[in-house]
Protein backbone atom coordinates (compact mmCIF):
# COMPACT_ATOMS: atom_id res chain seq x y z
CA MET A 1 7.17 13.57 -4.15
CA ARG A 2 3.33 12.87 -4.34
CA CYS A 3 0.83 10.83 -2.44
CA THR A 4 0.51 7.26 -4.12
CA TYR A 5 -2.99 7.48 -3.34
CA CYS A 6 -4.09 10.56 -3.52
CA GLY A 7 -1.64 11.93 -5.33
CA LYS A 8 -1.55 15.38 -3.04
CA LYS A 9 1.99 17.06 -2.92
CA ILE A 10 3.96 15.57 0.10
CA VAL A 11 5.26 18.96 1.59
CA GLY A 12 8.83 18.39 3.07
CA LYS A 13 11.92 15.72 3.24
CA LYS A 14 10.01 12.98 4.22
CA PRO A 15 6.78 11.26 4.01
CA LYS A 16 3.95 10.70 6.56
CA VAL A 17 4.24 7.02 5.80
CA SER A 18 6.39 4.60 3.16
CA GLY A 19 7.24 1.63 2.10
CA GLU A 20 7.77 -0.51 -0.62
CA GLU A 21 5.65 -2.91 -3.13
CA GLY A 22 6.97 -5.88 -4.72
CA PRO A 23 6.73 -6.65 -8.82
CA LEU A 24 3.36 -8.23 -9.11
CA ILE A 25 4.32 -11.23 -11.14
CA TYR A 26 2.85 -14.84 -12.28
CA PHE A 27 4.38 -18.07 -13.60
CA GLU A 28 3.78 -19.51 -17.23
CA GLY A 29 5.09 -22.87 -16.79
CA ASP A 30 8.39 -22.43 -15.32
CA THR A 31 8.92 -18.70 -16.20
CA GLU A 32 8.17 -16.03 -14.54
CA ILE A 33 6.76 -12.80 -15.92
CA GLU A 34 6.61 -9.80 -14.59
CA VAL A 35 3.60 -7.54 -14.77
CA GLU A 36 4.45 -4.35 -12.85
CA PRO A 37 7.85 -3.60 -11.46
CA GLY A 38 7.87 -3.15 -7.52
CA ARG A 39 7.97 0.17 -6.62
CA LYS A 40 8.51 2.28 -3.56
CA ILE A 41 5.14 4.00 -1.92
CA ASN A 42 4.83 6.93 0.01
CA PHE A 43 1.64 8.39 1.62
CA CYS A 44 0.77 12.19 3.02
CA SER A 45 -1.26 10.63 6.07
CA ASP A 46 -2.41 7.86 7.69
CA LYS A 47 -5.88 8.20 6.37
CA CYS A 48 -4.28 7.60 2.60
CA ALA A 49 -2.18 5.05 4.00
CA TRP A 50 -5.07 2.99 5.34
CA GLU A 51 -7.48 3.64 2.25
CA TYR A 52 -4.90 2.49 0.16
CA GLY A 53 -3.84 -0.49 1.91
CA MET A 54 -7.78 -1.66 2.44
CA GLU A 55 -8.14 -0.89 -1.13
CA GLU A 56 -5.07 -3.44 -2.05
CA HIS A 57 -6.01 -6.24 0.25
CA MET A 58 -9.67 -6.10 -0.31
CA TYR A 59 -9.19 -9.54 -1.94
CA MET A 60 -8.80 -11.06 2.06
CA GLY A 61 -12.26 -10.12 2.60
CA GLU A 62 -12.66 -6.73 4.53
CA LYS A 63 -12.25 -8.19 8.29
CA GLU A 64 -8.86 -10.22 7.51
CA ALA A 65 -7.58 -6.74 5.60
CA LYS A 66 -8.11 -4.77 8.41
CA ASN A 67 -6.67 -6.92 10.89
CA HIS A 68 -3.39 -7.60 8.35
CA LEU A 69 -2.95 -3.85 8.02
CA ILE A 70 -3.58 -3.46 12.17
CA GLU A 71 -0.84 -6.24 12.58
CA LEU A 72 1.79 -6.72 9.73
CA HIS A 73 1.77 -2.85 8.70
CA GLY A 74 1.72 -1.38 11.91
CA LEU A 75 -1.27 1.02 9.77
CA LYS A 76 -4.44 2.18 12.67
CA PRO A 77 -7.92 2.89 11.30
CA GLU A 78 -9.14 6.34 11.57
CA ARG A 79 -11.12 7.30 13.74
CA ARG A 80 -14.83 8.37 13.39
């Protein structure tokens, strides 16, 4: 199994952080079209989970994306 963000091989039976993404869909009239299927996502570290989450949620704006990742996904930004 590899990290969804950095591609590094995840050692051991369980990834540090894992979850699922729903399918990417859109509608043409009443027709639902699936662009990408849902998938399981795995990360080798909290840092990779955070970075991936920020990239995926930037459409919200940076502040909103950070709050979303903390409050809804239970992730924490890397301390610097």
